[in-house]
PDBML (XML) file of the C-alpha atoms, coordinates in Angstrom:
<?xml version="1.0" encoding="UTF-8" ?>
<PDBx:datablock datablockName="MODEL"
   xmlns:PDBx="http://pdbml.pdb.org/schema/pdbx-v50.xsd"
   xmlns:xsi="http://www.w3.org/2001/XMLSchema-instance"
   xsi:schemaLocation="http://pdbml.pdb.org/schema/pdbx-v50.xsd pdbx-v50.xsd">
   <PDBx:atom_siteCategory>
      <PDBx:atom_site id="1">
         <PDBx:B_iso_or_equiv>0.00</PDBx:B_iso_or_equiv>
         <PDBx:Cartn_x>-11.575</PDBx:Cartn_x>
         <PDBx:Cartn_y>-6.608</PDBx:Cartn_y>
         <PDBx:Cartn_z>-5.427</PDBx:Cartn_z>
         <PDBx:auth_asym_id>A</PDBx:auth_asym_id>
         <PDBx:auth_atom_id>CA</PDBx:auth_atom_id>
         <PDBx:auth_comp_id>ALA</PDBx:auth_comp_id>
         <PDBx:auth_seq_id>1</PDBx:auth_seq_id>
         <PDBx:group_PDB>ATOM</PDBx:group_PDB>
         <PDBx:label_alt_id xsi:nil="true" />
         <PDBx:label_asym_id>A</PDBx:label_asym_id>
         <PDBx:label_atom_id>CA</PDBx:label_atom_id>
         <PDBx:label_comp_id>ALA</PDBx:label_comp_id>
         <PDBx:label_entity_id>1</PDBx:label_entity_id>
         <PDBx:label_seq_id>1</PDBx:label_seq_id>
         <PDBx:occupancy>1.00</PDBx:occupancy>
         <PDBx:pdbx_PDB_model_num>1</PDBx:pdbx_PDB_model_num>
         <PDBx:type_symbol>C</PDBx:type_symbol>
      </PDBx:atom_site>
      <PDBx:atom_site id="2">
         <PDBx:B_iso_or_equiv>0.00</PDBx:B_iso_or_equiv>
         <PDBx:Cartn_x>-11.066</PDBx:Cartn_x>
         <PDBx:Cartn_y>-3.982</PDBx:Cartn_y>
         <PDBx:Cartn_z>-2.713</PDBx:Cartn_z>
         <PDBx:auth_asym_id>A</PDBx:auth_asym_id>
         <PDBx:auth_atom_id>CA</PDBx:auth_atom_id>
         <PDBx:auth_comp_id>LEU</PDBx:auth_comp_id>
         <PDBx:auth_seq_id>2</PDBx:auth_seq_id>
         <PDBx:group_PDB>ATOM</PDBx:group_PDB>
         <PDBx:label_alt_id xsi:nil="true" />
         <PDBx:label_asym_id>A</PDBx:label_asym_id>
         <PDBx:label_atom_id>CA</PDBx:label_atom_id>
         <PDBx:label_comp_id>LEU</PDBx:label_comp_id>
         <PDBx:label_entity_id>1</PDBx:label_entity_id>
         <PDBx:label_seq_id>2</PDBx:label_seq_id>
         <PDBx:occupancy>1.00</PDBx:occupancy>
         <PDBx:pdbx_PDB_model_num>1</PDBx:pdbx_PDB_model_num>
         <PDBx:type_symbol>C</PDBx:type_symbol>
      </PDBx:atom_site>
      <PDBx:atom_site id="3">
         <PDBx:B_iso_or_equiv>0.00</PDBx:B_iso_or_equiv>
         <PDBx:Cartn_x>-7.597</PDBx:Cartn_x>
         <PDBx:Cartn_y>-5.348</PDBx:Cartn_y>
         <PDBx:Cartn_z>-1.983</PDBx:Cartn_z>
         <PDBx:auth_asym_id>A</PDBx:auth_asym_id>
         <PDBx:auth_atom_id>CA</PDBx:auth_atom_id>
         <PDBx:auth_comp_id>LEU</PDBx:auth_comp_id>
         <PDBx:auth_seq_id>3</PDBx:auth_seq_id>
         <PDBx:group_PDB>ATOM</PDBx:group_PDB>
         <PDBx:label_alt_id xsi:nil="true" />
         <PDBx:label_asym_id>A</PDBx:label_asym_id>
         <PDBx:label_atom_id>CA</PDBx:label_atom_id>
         <PDBx:label_comp_id>LEU</PDBx:label_comp_id>
         <PDBx:label_entity_id>1</PDBx:label_entity_id>
         <PDBx:label_seq_id>3</PDBx:label_seq_id>
         <PDBx:occupancy>1.00</PDBx:occupancy>
         <PDBx:pdbx_PDB_model_num>1</PDBx:pdbx_PDB_model_num>
         <PDBx:type_symbol>C</PDBx:type_symbol>
      </PDBx:atom_site>
      <PDBx:atom_site id="4">
         <PDBx:B_iso_or_equiv>0.00</PDBx:B_iso_or_equiv>
         <PDBx:Cartn_x>-6.659</PDBx:Cartn_x>
         <PDBx:Cartn_y>-5.094</PDBx:Cartn_y>
         <PDBx:Cartn_z>-5.651</PDBx:Cartn_z>
         <PDBx:auth_asym_id>A</PDBx:auth_asym_id>
         <PDBx:auth_atom_id>CA</PDBx:auth_atom_id>
         <PDBx:auth_comp_id>LEU</PDBx:auth_comp_id>
         <PDBx:auth_seq_id>4</PDBx:auth_seq_id>
         <PDBx:group_PDB>ATOM</PDBx:group_PDB>
         <PDBx:label_alt_id xsi:nil="true" />
         <PDBx:label_asym_id>A</PDBx:label_asym_id>
         <PDBx:label_atom_id>CA</PDBx:label_atom_id>
         <PDBx:label_comp_id>LEU</PDBx:label_comp_id>
         <PDBx:label_entity_id>1</PDBx:label_entity_id>
         <PDBx:label_seq_id>4</PDBx:label_seq_id>
         <PDBx:occupancy>1.00</PDBx:occupancy>
         <PDBx:pdbx_PDB_model_num>1</PDBx:pdbx_PDB_model_num>
         <PDBx:type_symbol>C</PDBx:type_symbol>
      </PDBx:atom_site>
      <PDBx:atom_site id="5">
         <PDBx:B_iso_or_equiv>0.00</PDBx:B_iso_or_equiv>
         <PDBx:Cartn_x>-6.847</PDBx:Cartn_x>
         <PDBx:Cartn_y>-1.301</PDBx:Cartn_y>
         <PDBx:Cartn_z>-5.387</PDBx:Cartn_z>
         <PDBx:auth_asym_id>A</PDBx:auth_asym_id>
         <PDBx:auth_atom_id>CA</PDBx:auth_atom_id>
         <PDBx:auth_comp_id>VAL</PDBx:auth_comp_id>
         <PDBx:auth_seq_id>5</PDBx:auth_seq_id>
         <PDBx:group_PDB>ATOM</PDBx:group_PDB>
         <PDBx:label_alt_id xsi:nil="true" />
         <PDBx:label_asym_id>A</PDBx:label_asym_id>
         <PDBx:label_atom_id>CA</PDBx:label_atom_id>
         <PDBx:label_comp_id>VAL</PDBx:label_comp_id>
         <PDBx:label_entity_id>1</PDBx:label_entity_id>
         <PDBx:label_seq_id>5</PDBx:label_seq_id>
         <PDBx:occupancy>1.00</PDBx:occupancy>
         <PDBx:pdbx_PDB_model_num>1</PDBx:pdbx_PDB_model_num>
         <PDBx:type_symbol>C</PDBx:type_symbol>
      </PDBx:atom_site>
      <PDBx:atom_site id="6">
         <PDBx:B_iso_or_equiv>0.00</PDBx:B_iso_or_equiv>
         <PDBx:Cartn_x>-3.711</PDBx:Cartn_x>
         <PDBx:Cartn_y>-1.368</PDBx:Cartn_y>
         <PDBx:Cartn_z>-3.223</PDBx:Cartn_z>
         <PDBx:auth_asym_id>A</PDBx:auth_asym_id>
         <PDBx:auth_atom_id>CA</PDBx:auth_atom_id>
         <PDBx:auth_comp_id>LEU</PDBx:auth_comp_id>
         <PDBx:auth_seq_id>6</PDBx:auth_seq_id>
         <PDBx:group_PDB>ATOM</PDBx:group_PDB>
         <PDBx:label_alt_id xsi:nil="true" />
         <PDBx:label_asym_id>A</PDBx:label_asym_id>
         <PDBx:label_atom_id>CA</PDBx:label_atom_id>
         <PDBx:label_comp_id>LEU</PDBx:label_comp_id>
         <PDBx:label_entity_id>1</PDBx:label_entity_id>
         <PDBx:label_seq_id>6</PDBx:label_seq_id>
         <PDBx:occupancy>1.00</PDBx:occupancy>
         <PDBx:pdbx_PDB_model_num>1</PDBx:pdbx_PDB_model_num>
         <PDBx:type_symbol>C</PDBx:type_symbol>
      </PDBx:atom_site>
      <PDBx:atom_site id="7">
         <PDBx:B_iso_or_equiv>0.00</PDBx:B_iso_or_equiv>
         <PDBx:Cartn_x>-1.704</PDBx:Cartn_x>
         <PDBx:Cartn_y>-2.777</PDBx:Cartn_y>
         <PDBx:Cartn_z>-6.105</PDBx:Cartn_z>
         <PDBx:auth_asym_id>A</PDBx:auth_asym_id>
         <PDBx:auth_atom_id>CA</PDBx:auth_atom_id>
         <PDBx:auth_comp_id>THR</PDBx:auth_comp_id>
         <PDBx:auth_seq_id>7</PDBx:auth_seq_id>
         <PDBx:group_PDB>ATOM</PDBx:group_PDB>
         <PDBx:label_alt_id xsi:nil="true" />
         <PDBx:label_asym_id>A</PDBx:label_asym_id>
         <PDBx:label_atom_id>CA</PDBx:label_atom_id>
         <PDBx:label_comp_id>THR</PDBx:label_comp_id>
         <PDBx:label_entity_id>1</PDBx:label_entity_id>
         <PDBx:label_seq_id>7</PDBx:label_seq_id>
         <PDBx:occupancy>1.00</PDBx:occupancy>
         <PDBx:pdbx_PDB_model_num>1</PDBx:pdbx_PDB_model_num>
         <PDBx:type_symbol>C</PDBx:type_symbol>
      </PDBx:atom_site>
      <PDBx:atom_site id="8">
         <PDBx:B_iso_or_equiv>0.00</PDBx:B_iso_or_equiv>
         <PDBx:Cartn_x>-3.352</PDBx:Cartn_x>
         <PDBx:Cartn_y>-0.455</PDBx:Cartn_y>
         <PDBx:Cartn_z>-8.636</PDBx:Cartn_z>
         <PDBx:auth_asym_id>A</PDBx:auth_asym_id>
         <PDBx:auth_atom_id>CA</PDBx:auth_atom_id>
         <PDBx:auth_comp_id>ALA</PDBx:auth_comp_id>
         <PDBx:auth_seq_id>8</PDBx:auth_seq_id>
         <PDBx:group_PDB>ATOM</PDBx:group_PDB>
         <PDBx:label_alt_id xsi:nil="true" />
         <PDBx:label_asym_id>A</PDBx:label_asym_id>
         <PDBx:label_atom_id>CA</PDBx:label_atom_id>
         <PDBx:label_comp_id>ALA</PDBx:label_comp_id>
         <PDBx:label_entity_id>1</PDBx:label_entity_id>
         <PDBx:label_seq_id>8</PDBx:label_seq_id>
         <PDBx:occupancy>1.00</PDBx:occupancy>
         <PDBx:pdbx_PDB_model_num>1</PDBx:pdbx_PDB_model_num>
         <PDBx:type_symbol>C</PDBx:type_symbol>
      </PDBx:atom_site>
      <PDBx:atom_site id="9">
         <PDBx:B_iso_or_equiv>0.00</PDBx:B_iso_or_equiv>
         <PDBx:Cartn_x>-2.742</PDBx:Cartn_x>
         <PDBx:Cartn_y>2.582</PDBx:Cartn_y>
         <PDBx:Cartn_z>-6.414</PDBx:Cartn_z>
         <PDBx:auth_asym_id>A</PDBx:auth_asym_id>
         <PDBx:auth_atom_id>CA</PDBx:auth_atom_id>
         <PDBx:auth_comp_id>ALA</PDBx:auth_comp_id>
         <PDBx:auth_seq_id>9</PDBx:auth_seq_id>
         <PDBx:group_PDB>ATOM</PDBx:group_PDB>
         <PDBx:label_alt_id xsi:nil="true" />
         <PDBx:label_asym_id>A</PDBx:label_asym_id>
         <PDBx:label_atom_id>CA</PDBx:label_atom_id>
         <PDBx:label_comp_id>ALA</PDBx:label_comp_id>
         <PDBx:label_entity_id>1</PDBx:label_entity_id>
         <PDBx:label_seq_id>9</PDBx:label_seq_id>
         <PDBx:occupancy>1.00</PDBx:occupancy>
         <PDBx:pdbx_PDB_model_num>1</PDBx:pdbx_PDB_model_num>
         <PDBx:type_symbol>C</PDBx:type_symbol>
      </PDBx:atom_site>
      <PDBx:atom_site id="10">
         <PDBx:B_iso_or_equiv>0.00</PDBx:B_iso_or_equiv>
         <PDBx:Cartn_x>0.896</PDBx:Cartn_x>
         <PDBx:Cartn_y>1.658</PDBx:Cartn_y>
         <PDBx:Cartn_z>-5.833</PDBx:Cartn_z>
         <PDBx:auth_asym_id>A</PDBx:auth_asym_id>
         <PDBx:auth_atom_id>CA</PDBx:auth_atom_id>
         <PDBx:auth_comp_id>GLY</PDBx:auth_comp_id>
         <PDBx:auth_seq_id>10</PDBx:auth_seq_id>
         <PDBx:group_PDB>ATOM</PDBx:group_PDB>
         <PDBx:label_alt_id xsi:nil="true" />
         <PDBx:label_asym_id>A</PDBx:label_asym_id>
         <PDBx:label_atom_id>CA</PDBx:label_atom_id>
         <PDBx:label_comp_id>GLY</PDBx:label_comp_id>
         <PDBx:label_entity_id>1</PDBx:label_entity_id>
         <PDBx:label_seq_id>10</PDBx:label_seq_id>
         <PDBx:occupancy>1.00</PDBx:occupancy>
         <PDBx:pdbx_PDB_model_num>1</PDBx:pdbx_PDB_model_num>
         <PDBx:type_symbol>C</PDBx:type_symbol>
      </PDBx:atom_site>
      <PDBx:atom_site id="11">
         <PDBx:B_iso_or_equiv>0.00</PDBx:B_iso_or_equiv>
         <PDBx:Cartn_x>0.391</PDBx:Cartn_x>
         <PDBx:Cartn_y>1.925</PDBx:Cartn_y>
         <PDBx:Cartn_z>-2.088</PDBx:Cartn_z>
         <PDBx:auth_asym_id>A</PDBx:auth_asym_id>
         <PDBx:auth_atom_id>CA</PDBx:auth_atom_id>
         <PDBx:auth_comp_id>GLU</PDBx:auth_comp_id>
         <PDBx:auth_seq_id>11</PDBx:auth_seq_id>
         <PDBx:group_PDB>ATOM</PDBx:group_PDB>
         <PDBx:label_alt_id xsi:nil="true" />
         <PDBx:label_asym_id>A</PDBx:label_asym_id>
         <PDBx:label_atom_id>CA</PDBx:label_atom_id>
         <PDBx:label_comp_id>GLU</PDBx:label_comp_id>
         <PDBx:label_entity_id>1</PDBx:label_entity_id>
         <PDBx:label_seq_id>11</PDBx:label_seq_id>
         <PDBx:occupancy>1.00</PDBx:occupancy>
         <PDBx:pdbx_PDB_model_num>1</PDBx:pdbx_PDB_model_num>
         <PDBx:type_symbol>C</PDBx:type_symbol>
      </PDBx:atom_site>
      <PDBx:atom_site id="12">
         <PDBx:B_iso_or_equiv>0.00</PDBx:B_iso_or_equiv>
         <PDBx:Cartn_x>3.297</PDBx:Cartn_x>
         <PDBx:Cartn_y>-0.376</PDBx:Cartn_y>
         <PDBx:Cartn_z>-1.354</PDBx:Cartn_z>
         <PDBx:auth_asym_id>A</PDBx:auth_asym_id>
         <PDBx:auth_atom_id>CA</PDBx:auth_atom_id>
         <PDBx:auth_comp_id>ASP</PDBx:auth_comp_id>
         <PDBx:auth_seq_id>12</PDBx:auth_seq_id>
         <PDBx:group_PDB>ATOM</PDBx:group_PDB>
         <PDBx:label_alt_id xsi:nil="true" />
         <PDBx:label_asym_id>A</PDBx:label_asym_id>
         <PDBx:label_atom_id>CA</PDBx:label_atom_id>
         <PDBx:label_comp_id>ASP</PDBx:label_comp_id>
         <PDBx:label_entity_id>1</PDBx:label_entity_id>
         <PDBx:label_seq_id>12</PDBx:label_seq_id>
         <PDBx:occupancy>1.00</PDBx:occupancy>
         <PDBx:pdbx_PDB_model_num>1</PDBx:pdbx_PDB_model_num>
         <PDBx:type_symbol>C</PDBx:type_symbol>
      </PDBx:atom_site>
      <PDBx:atom_site id="13">
         <PDBx:B_iso_or_equiv>0.00</PDBx:B_iso_or_equiv>
         <PDBx:Cartn_x>5.807</PDBx:Cartn_x>
         <PDBx:Cartn_y>1.977</PDBx:Cartn_y>
         <PDBx:Cartn_z>-2.942</PDBx:Cartn_z>
         <PDBx:auth_asym_id>A</PDBx:auth_asym_id>
         <PDBx:auth_atom_id>CA</PDBx:auth_atom_id>
         <PDBx:auth_comp_id>THR</PDBx:auth_comp_id>
         <PDBx:auth_seq_id>13</PDBx:auth_seq_id>
         <PDBx:group_PDB>ATOM</PDBx:group_PDB>
         <PDBx:label_alt_id xsi:nil="true" />
         <PDBx:label_asym_id>A</PDBx:label_asym_id>
         <PDBx:label_atom_id>CA</PDBx:label_atom_id>
         <PDBx:label_comp_id>THR</PDBx:label_comp_id>
         <PDBx:label_entity_id>1</PDBx:label_entity_id>
         <PDBx:label_seq_id>13</PDBx:label_seq_id>
         <PDBx:occupancy>1.00</PDBx:occupancy>
         <PDBx:pdbx_PDB_model_num>1</PDBx:pdbx_PDB_model_num>
         <PDBx:type_symbol>C</PDBx:type_symbol>
      </PDBx:atom_site>
      <PDBx:atom_site id="14">
         <PDBx:B_iso_or_equiv>0.00</PDBx:B_iso_or_equiv>
         <PDBx:Cartn_x>4.205</PDBx:Cartn_x>
         <PDBx:Cartn_y>5.292</PDBx:Cartn_y>
         <PDBx:Cartn_z>-1.980</PDBx:Cartn_z>
         <PDBx:auth_asym_id>A</PDBx:auth_asym_id>
         <PDBx:auth_atom_id>CA</PDBx:auth_atom_id>
         <PDBx:auth_comp_id>HIS</PDBx:auth_comp_id>
         <PDBx:auth_seq_id>14</PDBx:auth_seq_id>
         <PDBx:group_PDB>ATOM</PDBx:group_PDB>
         <PDBx:label_alt_id xsi:nil="true" />
         <PDBx:label_asym_id>A</PDBx:label_asym_id>
         <PDBx:label_atom_id>CA</PDBx:label_atom_id>
         <PDBx:label_comp_id>HIS</PDBx:label_comp_id>
         <PDBx:label_entity_id>1</PDBx:label_entity_id>
         <PDBx:label_seq_id>14</PDBx:label_seq_id>
         <PDBx:occupancy>1.00</PDBx:occupancy>
         <PDBx:pdbx_PDB_model_num>1</PDBx:pdbx_PDB_model_num>
         <PDBx:type_symbol>C</PDBx:type_symbol>
      </PDBx:atom_site>
      <PDBx:atom_site id="15">
         <PDBx:B_iso_or_equiv>0.00</PDBx:B_iso_or_equiv>
         <PDBx:Cartn_x>3.390</PDBx:Cartn_x>
         <PDBx:Cartn_y>4.714</PDBx:Cartn_y>
         <PDBx:Cartn_z>1.684</PDBx:Cartn_z>
         <PDBx:auth_asym_id>A</PDBx:auth_asym_id>
         <PDBx:auth_atom_id>CA</PDBx:auth_atom_id>
         <PDBx:auth_comp_id>ALA</PDBx:auth_comp_id>
         <PDBx:auth_seq_id>15</PDBx:auth_seq_id>
         <PDBx:group_PDB>ATOM</PDBx:group_PDB>
         <PDBx:label_alt_id xsi:nil="true" />
         <PDBx:label_asym_id>A</PDBx:label_asym_id>
         <PDBx:label_atom_id>CA</PDBx:label_atom_id>
         <PDBx:label_comp_id>ALA</PDBx:label_comp_id>
         <PDBx:label_entity_id>1</PDBx:label_entity_id>
         <PDBx:label_seq_id>15</PDBx:label_seq_id>
         <PDBx:occupancy>1.00</PDBx:occupancy>
         <PDBx:pdbx_PDB_model_num>1</PDBx:pdbx_PDB_model_num>
         <PDBx:type_symbol>C</PDBx:type_symbol>
      </PDBx:atom_site>
      <PDBx:atom_site id="16">
         <PDBx:B_iso_or_equiv>0.00</PDBx:B_iso_or_equiv>
         <PDBx:Cartn_x>4.299</PDBx:Cartn_x>
         <PDBx:Cartn_y>7.638</PDBx:Cartn_y>
         <PDBx:Cartn_z>3.940</PDBx:Cartn_z>
         <PDBx:auth_asym_id>A</PDBx:auth_asym_id>
         <PDBx:auth_atom_id>CA</PDBx:auth_atom_id>
         <PDBx:auth_comp_id>PRO</PDBx:auth_comp_id>
         <PDBx:auth_seq_id>16</PDBx:auth_seq_id>
         <PDBx:group_PDB>ATOM</PDBx:group_PDB>
         <PDBx:label_alt_id xsi:nil="true" />
         <PDBx:label_asym_id>A</PDBx:label_asym_id>
         <PDBx:label_atom_id>CA</PDBx:label_atom_id>
         <PDBx:label_comp_id>PRO</PDBx:label_comp_id>
         <PDBx:label_entity_id>1</PDBx:label_entity_id>
         <PDBx:label_seq_id>16</PDBx:label_seq_id>
         <PDBx:occupancy>1.00</PDBx:occupancy>
         <PDBx:pdbx_PDB_model_num>1</PDBx:pdbx_PDB_model_num>
         <PDBx:type_symbol>C</PDBx:type_symbol>
      </PDBx:atom_site>
      <PDBx:atom_site id="17">
         <PDBx:B_iso_or_equiv>0.00</PDBx:B_iso_or_equiv>
         <PDBx:Cartn_x>7.357</PDBx:Cartn_x>
         <PDBx:Cartn_y>7.289</PDBx:Cartn_y>
         <PDBx:Cartn_z>6.159</PDBx:Cartn_z>
         <PDBx:auth_asym_id>A</PDBx:auth_asym_id>
         <PDBx:auth_atom_id>CA</PDBx:auth_atom_id>
         <PDBx:auth_comp_id>SER</PDBx:auth_comp_id>
         <PDBx:auth_seq_id>17</PDBx:auth_seq_id>
         <PDBx:group_PDB>ATOM</PDBx:group_PDB>
         <PDBx:label_alt_id xsi:nil="true" />
         <PDBx:label_asym_id>A</PDBx:label_asym_id>
         <PDBx:label_atom_id>CA</PDBx:label_atom_id>
         <PDBx:label_comp_id>SER</PDBx:label_comp_id>
         <PDBx:label_entity_id>1</PDBx:label_entity_id>
         <PDBx:label_seq_id>17</PDBx:label_seq_id>
         <PDBx:occupancy>1.00</PDBx:occupancy>
         <PDBx:pdbx_PDB_model_num>1</PDBx:pdbx_PDB_model_num>
         <PDBx:type_symbol>C</PDBx:type_symbol>
      </PDBx:atom_site>
      <PDBx:atom_site id="18">
         <PDBx:B_iso_or_equiv>0.00</PDBx:B_iso_or_equiv>
         <PDBx:Cartn_x>5.239</PDBx:Cartn_x>
         <PDBx:Cartn_y>6.691</PDBx:Cartn_y>
         <PDBx:Cartn_z>9.289</PDBx:Cartn_z>
         <PDBx:auth_asym_id>A</PDBx:auth_asym_id>
         <PDBx:auth_atom_id>CA</PDBx:auth_atom_id>
         <PDBx:auth_comp_id>HIS</PDBx:auth_comp_id>
         <PDBx:auth_seq_id>18</PDBx:auth_seq_id>
         <PDBx:group_PDB>ATOM</PDBx:group_PDB>
         <PDBx:label_alt_id xsi:nil="true" />
         <PDBx:label_asym_id>A</PDBx:label_asym_id>
         <PDBx:label_atom_id>CA</PDBx:label_atom_id>
         <PDBx:label_comp_id>HIS</PDBx:label_comp_id>
         <PDBx:label_entity_id>1</PDBx:label_entity_id>
         <PDBx:label_seq_id>18</PDBx:label_seq_id>
         <PDBx:occupancy>1.00</PDBx:occupancy>
         <PDBx:pdbx_PDB_model_num>1</PDBx:pdbx_PDB_model_num>
         <PDBx:type_symbol>C</PDBx:type_symbol>
      </PDBx:atom_site>
      <PDBx:atom_site id="19">
         <PDBx:B_iso_or_equiv>0.00</PDBx:B_iso_or_equiv>
         <PDBx:Cartn_x>3.422</PDBx:Cartn_x>
         <PDBx:Cartn_y>3.742</PDBx:Cartn_y>
         <PDBx:Cartn_z>7.688</PDBx:Cartn_z>
         <PDBx:auth_asym_id>A</PDBx:auth_asym_id>
         <PDBx:auth_atom_id>CA</PDBx:auth_atom_id>
         <PDBx:auth_comp_id>ALA</PDBx:auth_comp_id>
         <PDBx:auth_seq_id>19</PDBx:auth_seq_id>
         <PDBx:group_PDB>ATOM</PDBx:group_PDB>
         <PDBx:label_alt_id xsi:nil="true" />
         <PDBx:label_asym_id>A</PDBx:label_asym_id>
         <PDBx:label_atom_id>CA</PDBx:label_atom_id>
         <PDBx:label_comp_id>ALA</PDBx:label_comp_id>
         <PDBx:label_entity_id>1</PDBx:label_entity_id>
         <PDBx:label_seq_id>19</PDBx:label_seq_id>
         <PDBx:occupancy>1.00</PDBx:occupancy>
         <PDBx:pdbx_PDB_model_num>1</PDBx:pdbx_PDB_model_num>
         <PDBx:type_symbol>C</PDBx:type_symbol>
      </PDBx:atom_site>
      <PDBx:atom_site id="20">
         <PDBx:B_iso_or_equiv>0.00</PDBx:B_iso_or_equiv>
         <PDBx:Cartn_x>4.382</PDBx:Cartn_x>
         <PDBx:Cartn_y>0.204</PDBx:Cartn_y>
         <PDBx:Cartn_z>8.563</PDBx:Cartn_z>
         <PDBx:auth_asym_id>A</PDBx:auth_asym_id>
         <PDBx:auth_atom_id>CA</PDBx:auth_atom_id>
         <PDBx:auth_comp_id>MET</PDBx:auth_comp_id>
         <PDBx:auth_seq_id>20</PDBx:auth_seq_id>
         <PDBx:group_PDB>ATOM</PDBx:group_PDB>
         <PDBx:label_alt_id xsi:nil="true" />
         <PDBx:label_asym_id>A</PDBx:label_asym_id>
         <PDBx:label_atom_id>CA</PDBx:label_atom_id>
         <PDBx:label_comp_id>MET</PDBx:label_comp_id>
         <PDBx:label_entity_id>1</PDBx:label_entity_id>
         <PDBx:label_seq_id>20</PDBx:label_seq_id>
         <PDBx:occupancy>1.00</PDBx:occupancy>
         <PDBx:pdbx_PDB_model_num>1</PDBx:pdbx_PDB_model_num>
         <PDBx:type_symbol>C</PDBx:type_symbol>
      </PDBx:atom_site>
      <PDBx:atom_site id="21">
         <PDBx:B_iso_or_equiv>0.00</PDBx:B_iso_or_equiv>
         <PDBx:Cartn_x>6.818</PDBx:Cartn_x>
         <PDBx:Cartn_y>-1.281</PDBx:Cartn_y>
         <PDBx:Cartn_z>6.068</PDBx:Cartn_z>
         <PDBx:auth_asym_id>A</PDBx:auth_asym_id>
         <PDBx:auth_atom_id>CA</PDBx:auth_atom_id>
         <PDBx:auth_comp_id>ALA</PDBx:auth_comp_id>
         <PDBx:auth_seq_id>21</PDBx:auth_seq_id>
         <PDBx:group_PDB>ATOM</PDBx:group_PDB>
         <PDBx:label_alt_id xsi:nil="true" />
         <PDBx:label_asym_id>A</PDBx:label_asym_id>
         <PDBx:label_atom_id>CA</PDBx:label_atom_id>
         <PDBx:label_comp_id>ALA</PDBx:label_comp_id>
         <PDBx:label_entity_id>1</PDBx:label_entity_id>
         <PDBx:label_seq_id>21</PDBx:label_seq_id>
         <PDBx:occupancy>1.00</PDBx:occupancy>
         <PDBx:pdbx_PDB_model_num>1</PDBx:pdbx_PDB_model_num>
         <PDBx:type_symbol>C</PDBx:type_symbol>
      </PDBx:atom_site>
      <PDBx:atom_site id="22">
         <PDBx:B_iso_or_equiv>0.00</PDBx:B_iso_or_equiv>
         <PDBx:Cartn_x>5.044</PDBx:Cartn_x>
         <PDBx:Cartn_y>-4.635</PDBx:Cartn_y>
         <PDBx:Cartn_z>6.059</PDBx:Cartn_z>
         <PDBx:auth_asym_id>A</PDBx:auth_asym_id>
         <PDBx:auth_atom_id>CA</PDBx:auth_atom_id>
         <PDBx:auth_comp_id>LYS</PDBx:auth_comp_id>
         <PDBx:auth_seq_id>22</PDBx:auth_seq_id>
         <PDBx:group_PDB>ATOM</PDBx:group_PDB>
         <PDBx:label_alt_id xsi:nil="true" />
         <PDBx:label_asym_id>A</PDBx:label_asym_id>
         <PDBx:label_atom_id>CA</PDBx:label_atom_id>
         <PDBx:label_comp_id>LYS</PDBx:label_comp_id>
         <PDBx:label_entity_id>1</PDBx:label_entity_id>
         <PDBx:label_seq_id>22</PDBx:label_seq_id>
         <PDBx:occupancy>1.00</PDBx:occupancy>
         <PDBx:pdbx_PDB_model_num>1</PDBx:pdbx_PDB_model_num>
         <PDBx:type_symbol>C</PDBx:type_symbol>
      </PDBx:atom_site>
      <PDBx:atom_site id="23">
         <PDBx:B_iso_or_equiv>0.00</PDBx:B_iso_or_equiv>
         <PDBx:Cartn_x>1.927</PDBx:Cartn_x>
         <PDBx:Cartn_y>-5.390</PDBx:Cartn_y>
         <PDBx:Cartn_z>4.089</PDBx:Cartn_z>
         <PDBx:auth_asym_id>A</PDBx:auth_asym_id>
         <PDBx:auth_atom_id>CA</PDBx:auth_atom_id>
         <PDBx:auth_comp_id>GLU</PDBx:auth_comp_id>
         <PDBx:auth_seq_id>23</PDBx:auth_seq_id>
         <PDBx:group_PDB>ATOM</PDBx:group_PDB>
         <PDBx:label_alt_id xsi:nil="true" />
         <PDBx:label_asym_id>A</PDBx:label_asym_id>
         <PDBx:label_atom_id>CA</PDBx:label_atom_id>
         <PDBx:label_comp_id>GLU</PDBx:label_comp_id>
         <PDBx:label_entity_id>1</PDBx:label_entity_id>
         <PDBx:label_seq_id>23</PDBx:label_seq_id>
         <PDBx:occupancy>1.00</PDBx:occupancy>
         <PDBx:pdbx_PDB_model_num>1</PDBx:pdbx_PDB_model_num>
         <PDBx:type_symbol>C</PDBx:type_symbol>
      </PDBx:atom_site>
      <PDBx:atom_site id="24">
         <PDBx:B_iso_or_equiv>0.00</PDBx:B_iso_or_equiv>
         <PDBx:Cartn_x>-1.220</PDBx:Cartn_x>
         <PDBx:Cartn_y>-5.096</PDBx:Cartn_y>
         <PDBx:Cartn_z>6.196</PDBx:Cartn_z>
         <PDBx:auth_asym_id>A</PDBx:auth_asym_id>
         <PDBx:auth_atom_id>CA</PDBx:auth_atom_id>
         <PDBx:auth_comp_id>PRO</PDBx:auth_comp_id>
         <PDBx:auth_seq_id>24</PDBx:auth_seq_id>
         <PDBx:group_PDB>ATOM</PDBx:group_PDB>
         <PDBx:label_alt_id xsi:nil="true" />
         <PDBx:label_asym_id>A</PDBx:label_asym_id>
         <PDBx:label_atom_id>CA</PDBx:label_atom_id>
         <PDBx:label_comp_id>PRO</PDBx:label_comp_id>
         <PDBx:label_entity_id>1</PDBx:label_entity_id>
         <PDBx:label_seq_id>24</PDBx:label_seq_id>
         <PDBx:occupancy>1.00</PDBx:occupancy>
         <PDBx:pdbx_PDB_model_num>1</PDBx:pdbx_PDB_model_num>
         <PDBx:type_symbol>C</PDBx:type_symbol>
      </PDBx:atom_site>
   </PDBx:atom_siteCategory>
</PDBx:datablock>
């Protein structure tokens, strides 16, 4: 359930430029 928040928050498309491009 905690991991589902990443999809809901759109983290994959809104990660800052210094973040790793790959999924954690």
